[in-house]
């Protein structure tokens, strides 16, 4: 059966840590693919228009 696991973090290092933790539990033969995305938005409520980042990844694997 195919499964999907979604990860999201505000910092790329946190995303990396979460994915690496997941991979410790996943047999290499079960891994199919990974897709990575970065989204950026400006927070207009702050005086300096602070950028907000969202790093995400979707892993497709066999259960």
PDB file of N, CA and C in Angstrom:
ATOM      1  N   UNK A   1       0.833  -1.169   0.000  1.00  0.00           N
ATOM      2  CA  UNK A   1       0.000   0.000   0.000  1.00  0.00           C
ATOM      3  C   UNK A   1       0.889   1.247   0.000  1.00  0.00           C
ATOM      4  N   UNK A   2       0.549   2.234  -0.833  1.00  0.00           N
ATOM      5  CA  UNK A   2       1.291   3.495  -0.867  1.00  0.00           C
ATOM      6  C   UNK A   2       0.835   4.404   0.259  1.00  0.00           C
ATOM      7  N   UNK A   3       1.789   5.128   0.817  1.00  0.00           N
ATOM      8  CA  UNK A   3       1.517   6.064   1.907  1.00  0.00           C
ATOM      9  C   UNK A   3       2.212   7.383   1.599  1.00  0.00           C
ATOM     10  N   UNK A   4       1.697   8.459   2.201  1.00  0.00           N
ATOM     11  CA  UNK A   4       2.296   9.781   2.084  1.00  0.00           C
ATOM     12  C   UNK A   4       2.567  10.307   3.483  1.00  0.00           C
ATOM     13  N   UNK A   5       3.716  10.943   3.661  1.00  0.00           N
ATOM     14  CA  UNK A   5       4.063  11.591   4.927  1.00  0.00           C
ATOM     15  C   UNK A   5       4.426  13.037   4.599  1.00  0.00           C
ATOM     16  N   UNK A   6       3.779  13.987   5.282  1.00  0.00           N
ATOM     17  CA  UNK A   6       4.000  15.410   5.052  1.00  0.00           C
ATOM     18  C   UNK A   6       4.770  16.001   6.238  1.00  0.00           C
ATOM     19  N   UNK A   7       5.764  16.816   5.927  1.00  0.00           N
ATOM     20  CA  UNK A   7       6.548  17.518   6.938  1.00  0.00           C
ATOM     21  C   UNK A   7       6.490  19.010   6.633  1.00  0.00           C
ATOM     22  N   UNK A   8       6.464  19.841   7.697  1.00  0.00           N
ATOM     23  CA  UNK A   8       6.483  21.292   7.525  1.00  0.00           C
ATOM     24  C   UNK A   8       7.223  21.911   8.691  1.00  0.00           C
ATOM     25  N   UNK A   9       8.033  22.928   8.394  1.00  0.00           N
ATOM     26  CA  UNK A   9       8.794  23.613   9.445  1.00  0.00           C
ATOM     27  C   UNK A   9       9.083  25.042   9.011  1.00  0.00           C
ATOM     28  N   UNK A  10       9.352  25.909   9.989  1.00  0.00           N
ATOM     29  CA  UNK A  10       9.692  27.294   9.695  1.00  0.00           C
ATOM     30  C   UNK A  10      11.173  27.463   9.350  1.00  0.00           C
ATOM     31  N   UNK A  11      11.990  26.469   9.708  1.00  0.00           N
ATOM     32  CA  UNK A  11      13.423  26.519   9.434  1.00  0.00           C
ATOM     33  C   UNK A  11      13.836  25.230   8.726  1.00  0.00           C
ATOM     34  N   UNK A  12      14.693  25.366   7.727  1.00  0.00           N
ATOM     35  CA  UNK A  12      15.086  24.188   6.954  1.00  0.00           C
ATOM     36  C   UNK A  12      15.814  23.153   7.790  1.00  0.00           C
ATOM     37  N   UNK A  13      16.544  23.576   8.818  1.00  0.00           N
ATOM     38  CA  UNK A  13      17.241  22.613   9.670  1.00  0.00           C
ATOM     39  C   UNK A  13      16.247  21.744  10.454  1.00  0.00           C
ATOM     40  N   UNK A  14      15.137  22.347  10.880  1.00  0.00           N
ATOM     41  CA  UNK A  14      14.101  21.586  11.591  1.00  0.00           C
ATOM     42  C   UNK A  14      13.443  20.568  10.665  1.00  0.00           C
ATOM     43  N   UNK A  15      13.214  20.973   9.420  1.00  0.00           N
ATOM     44  CA  UNK A  15      12.636  20.052   8.439  1.00  0.00           C
ATOM     45  C   UNK A  15      13.591  18.890   8.193  1.00  0.00           C
ATOM     46  N   UNK A  16      14.844  19.203   8.016  1.00  0.00           N
ATOM     47  CA  UNK A  16      15.859  18.180   7.796  1.00  0.00           C
ATOM     48  C   UNK A  16      15.908  17.180   8.949  1.00  0.00           C
ATOM     49  N   UNK A  17      15.875  17.690  10.158  1.00  0.00           N
ATOM     50  CA  UNK A  17      15.910  16.822  11.340  1.00  0.00           C
ATOM     51  C   UNK A  17      14.693  15.888  11.388  1.00  0.00           C
ATOM     52  N   UNK A  18      13.523  16.420  11.103  1.00  0.00           N
ATOM     53  CA  UNK A  18      12.295  15.602  11.118  1.00  0.00           C
ATOM     54  C   UNK A  18      12.327  14.511  10.062  1.00  0.00           C
ATOM     55  N   UNK A  19      12.783  14.866   8.871  1.00  0.00           N
ATOM     56  CA  UNK A  19      12.843  13.879   7.787  1.00  0.00           C
ATOM     57  C   UNK A  19      13.882  12.804   8.098  1.00  0.00           C
ATOM     58  N   UNK A  20      15.036  13.210   8.589  1.00  0.00           N
ATOM     59  CA  UNK A  20      16.067  12.219   8.934  1.00  0.00           C
ATOM     60  C   UNK A  20      15.588  11.270  10.026  1.00  0.00           C
ATOM     61  N   UNK A  21      14.835  11.779  10.988  1.00  0.00           N
ATOM     62  CA  UNK A  21      14.263  10.929  12.035  1.00  0.00           C
ATOM     63  C   UNK A  21      13.296   9.914  11.424  1.00  0.00           C
ATOM     64  N   UNK A  22      12.450  10.368  10.493  1.00  0.00           N
ATOM     65  CA  UNK A  22      11.514   9.470   9.821  1.00  0.00           C
ATOM     66  C   UNK A  22      12.262   8.384   9.040  1.00  0.00           C
ATOM     67  N   UNK A  23      13.350   8.775   8.377  1.00  0.00           N
ATOM     68  CA  UNK A  23      14.117   7.811   7.585  1.00  0.00           C
ATOM     69  C   UNK A  23      14.784   6.737   8.446  1.00  0.00           C
ATOM     70  N   UNK A  24      15.028   7.012   9.716  1.00  0.00           N
ATOM     71  CA  UNK A  24      15.615   5.979  10.569  1.00  0.00           C
ATOM     72  C   UNK A  24      14.645   4.819  10.784  1.00  0.00           C
ATOM     73  N   UNK A  25      13.357   5.086  10.612  1.00  0.00           N
ATOM     74  CA  UNK A  25      12.325   4.064  10.808  1.00  0.00           C
ATOM     75  C   UNK A  25      11.853   3.428   9.495  1.00  0.00           C
ATOM     76  N   UNK A  26      12.306   3.970   8.372  1.00  0.00           N
ATOM     77  CA  UNK A  26      11.838   3.515   7.063  1.00  0.00           C
ATOM     78  C   UNK A  26      12.917   2.681   6.373  1.00  0.00           C
ATOM     79  N   UNK A  27      12.565   1.489   5.964  1.00  0.00           N
ATOM     80  CA  UNK A  27      13.511   0.661   5.207  1.00  0.00           C
ATOM     81  C   UNK A  27      13.780   1.323   3.857  1.00  0.00           C
ATOM     82  N   UNK A  28      15.033   1.359   3.421  1.00  0.00           N
ATOM     83  CA  UNK A  28      15.352   1.991   2.131  1.00  0.00           C
ATOM     84  C   UNK A  28      14.532   1.441   0.967  1.00  0.00           C
ATOM     85  N   UNK A  29      14.206   0.169   0.999  1.00  0.00           N
ATOM     86  CA  UNK A  29      13.436  -0.439  -0.083  1.00  0.00           C
ATOM     87  C   UNK A  29      11.989   0.063  -0.116  1.00  0.00           C
ATOM     88  N   UNK A  30      11.521   0.700   0.965  1.00  0.00           N
ATOM     89  CA  UNK A  30      10.147   1.210   1.028  1.00  0.00           C
ATOM     90  C   UNK A  30      10.032   2.651   0.506  1.00  0.00           C
ATOM     91  N   UNK A  31      11.160   3.352   0.420  1.00  0.00           N
ATOM     92  CA  UNK A  31      11.169   4.734  -0.047  1.00  0.00           C
ATOM     93  C   UNK A  31      10.910   4.800  -1.543  1.00  0.00           C
ATOM     94  N   UNK A  32      10.030   5.742  -1.966  1.00  0.00           N
ATOM     95  CA  UNK A  32       9.751   5.928  -3.390  1.00  0.00           C
ATOM     96  C   UNK A  32      10.257   7.288  -3.868  1.00  0.00           C
ATOM     97  N   UNK A  33       9.785   8.377  -3.239  1.00  0.00           N
ATOM     98  CA  UNK A  33      10.219   9.701  -3.691  1.00  0.00           C
ATOM     99  C   UNK A  33       9.985  10.747  -2.607  1.00  0.00           C
ATOM    100  N   UNK A  34      10.604  11.903  -2.836  1.00  0.00           N
ATOM    101  CA  UNK A  34      10.419  13.033  -1.938  1.00  0.00           C
ATOM    102  C   UNK A  34      10.265  14.288  -2.792  1.00  0.00           C
ATOM    103  N   UNK A  35       9.356  15.170  -2.374  1.00  0.00           N
ATOM    104  CA  UNK A  35       9.163  16.458  -3.032  1.00  0.00           C
ATOM    105  C   UNK A  35       9.337  17.543  -1.987  1.00  0.00           C
ATOM    106  N   UNK A  36      10.009  18.606  -2.381  1.00  0.00           N
ATOM    107  CA  UNK A  36      10.389  19.669  -1.460  1.00  0.00           C
ATOM    108  C   UNK A  36       9.825  20.990  -1.961  1.00  0.00           C
ATOM    109  N   UNK A  37       9.409  21.860  -1.026  1.00  0.00           N
ATOM    110  CA  UNK A  37       8.855  23.156  -1.413  1.00  0.00           C
ATOM    111  C   UNK A  37       9.168  24.201  -0.353  1.00  0.00           C
ATOM    112  N   UNK A  38       9.375  25.439  -0.807  1.00  0.00           N
ATOM    113  CA  UNK A  38       9.575  26.574   0.091  1.00  0.00           C
ATOM    114  C   UNK A  38       8.548  27.637  -0.270  1.00  0.00           C
ATOM    115  N   UNK A  39       7.862  28.152   0.748  1.00  0.00           N
ATOM    116  CA  UNK A  39       6.907  29.243   0.557  1.00  0.00           C
ATOM    117  C   UNK A  39       7.363  30.428   1.393  1.00  0.00           C
ATOM    118  N   UNK A  40       7.205  31.616   0.831  1.00  0.00           N
ATOM    119  CA  UNK A  40       7.598  32.839   1.526  1.00  0.00           C
ATOM    120  C   UNK A  40       6.422  33.811   1.487  1.00  0.00           C
ATOM    121  N   UNK A  41       6.145  34.412   2.626  1.00  0.00           N
ATOM    122  CA  UNK A  41       5.082  35.413   2.723  1.00  0.00           C
ATOM    123  C   UNK A  41       5.586  36.580   3.561  1.00  0.00           C
ATOM    124  N   UNK A  42       5.064  37.767   3.276  1.00  0.00           N
ATOM    125  CA  UNK A  42       5.429  38.951   4.055  1.00  0.00           C
ATOM    126  C   UNK A  42       4.371  39.194   5.118  1.00  0.00           C
ATOM    127  N   UNK A  43       4.820  39.462   6.319  1.00  0.00           N
ATOM    128  CA  UNK A  43       3.913  39.795   7.416  1.00  0.00           C
ATOM    129  C   UNK A  43       3.740  41.309   7.438  1.00  0.00           C
ATOM    130  N   UNK A  44       2.625  41.788   6.925  1.00  0.00           N
ATOM    131  CA  UNK A  44       2.383  43.220   6.800  1.00  0.00           C
ATOM    132  C   UNK A  44       2.116  43.902   8.130  1.00  0.00           C
ATOM    133  N   UNK A  45       1.885  43.150   9.174  1.00  0.00           N
ATOM    134  CA  UNK A  45       1.592  43.738  10.483  1.00  0.00           C
ATOM    135  C   UNK A  45       2.855  44.210  11.199  1.00  0.00           C
ATOM    136  N   UNK A  46       4.008  43.767  10.769  1.00  0.00           N
ATOM    137  CA  UNK A  46       5.247  44.235  11.389  1.00  0.00           C
ATOM    138  C   UNK A  46       5.774  45.429  10.602  1.00  0.00           C
ATOM    139  N   UNK A  47       6.476  46.306  11.268  1.00  0.00           N
ATOM    140  CA  UNK A  47       6.969  47.533  10.642  1.00  0.00           C
ATOM    141  C   UNK A  47       7.968  47.258   9.519  1.00  0.00           C
ATOM    142  N   UNK A  48       8.714  46.173   9.623  1.00  0.00           N
ATOM    143  CA  UNK A  48       9.740  45.882   8.614  1.00  0.00           C
ATOM    144  C   UNK A  48       9.318  44.819   7.603  1.00  0.00           C
ATOM    145  N   UNK A  49       8.035  44.508   7.559  1.00  0.00           N
ATOM    146  CA  UNK A  49       7.515  43.499   6.627  1.00  0.00           C
ATOM    147  C   UNK A  49       8.339  42.217   6.677  1.00  0.00           C
ATOM    148  N   UNK A  50       8.412  41.645   7.849  1.00  0.00           N
ATOM    149  CA  UNK A  50       9.184  40.432   8.079  1.00  0.00           C
ATOM    150  C   UNK A  50       8.714  39.307   7.158  1.00  0.00           C
ATOM    151  N   UNK A  51       9.661  38.581   6.592  1.00  0.00           N
ATOM    152  CA  UNK A  51       9.335  37.448   5.729  1.00  0.00           C
ATOM    153  C   UNK A  51       9.087  36.209   6.580  1.00  0.00           C
ATOM    154  N   UNK A  52       8.048  35.488   6.244  1.00  0.00           N
ATOM    155  CA  UNK A  52       7.717  34.232   6.918  1.00  0.00           C
ATOM    156  C   UNK A  52       7.998  33.094   5.944  1.00  0.00           C
ATOM    157  N   UNK A  53       8.756  32.114   6.398  1.00  0.00           N
ATOM    158  CA  UNK A  53       9.128  30.988   5.551  1.00  0.00           C
ATOM    159  C   UNK A  53       8.422  29.720   6.006  1.00  0.00           C
ATOM    160  N   UNK A  54       8.087  28.891   5.040  1.00  0.00           N
ATOM    161  CA  UNK A  54       7.536  27.571   5.326  1.00  0.00           C
ATOM    162  C   UNK A  54       8.260  26.572   4.425  1.00  0.00           C
ATOM    163  N   UNK A  55       8.994  25.666   5.047  1.00  0.00           N
ATOM    164  CA  UNK A  55       9.706  24.615   4.328  1.00  0.00           C
ATOM    165  C   UNK A  55       8.896  23.332   4.482  1.00  0.00           C
ATOM    166  N   UNK A  56       8.590  22.686   3.373  1.00  0.00           N
ATOM    167  CA  UNK A  56       7.786  21.471   3.463  1.00  0.00           C
ATOM    168  C   UNK A  56       8.312  20.396   2.528  1.00  0.00           C
ATOM    169  N   UNK A  57       7.981  19.170   2.885  1.00  0.00           N
ATOM    170  CA  UNK A  57       8.374  18.029   2.067  1.00  0.00           C
ATOM    171  C   UNK A  57       7.281  16.964   2.169  1.00  0.00           C
ATOM    172  N   UNK A  58       7.104  16.268   1.071  1.00  0.00           N
ATOM    173  CA  UNK A  58       6.172  15.151   1.023  1.00  0.00           C
ATOM    174  C   UNK A  58       6.965  13.907   0.612  1.00  0.00           C
ATOM    175  N   UNK A  59       6.850  12.874   1.406  1.00  0.00           N
ATOM    176  CA  UNK A  59       7.533  11.619   1.115  1.00  0.00           C
ATOM    177  C   UNK A  59       6.498  10.569   0.730  1.00  0.00           C
ATOM    178  N   UNK A  60       6.737   9.936  -0.395  1.00  0.00           N
ATOM    179  CA  UNK A  60       5.901   8.826  -0.854  1.00  0.00           C
ATOM    180  C   UNK A  60       6.661   7.538  -0.567  1.00  0.00           C
ATOM    181  N   UNK A  61       5.996   6.603   0.089  1.00  0.00           N
ATOM    182  CA  UNK A  61       6.658   5.352   0.468  1.00  0.00           C
ATOM    183  C   UNK A  61       5.651   4.204   0.484  1.00  0.00           C
ATOM    184  N   UNK A  62       6.179   3.012   0.553  1.00  0.00           N
ATOM    185  CA  UNK A  62       5.343   1.807   0.666  1.00  0.00           C
ATOM    186  C   UNK A  62       5.267   1.386   2.116  1.00  0.00           C
ATOM    187  N   UNK A  63       4.076   1.050   2.549  1.00  0.00           N
ATOM    188  CA  UNK A  63       3.893   0.589   3.925  1.00  0.00           C
ATOM    189  C   UNK A  63       4.082  -0.911   3.989  1.00  0.00           C
TER     190      UNK A  63
END
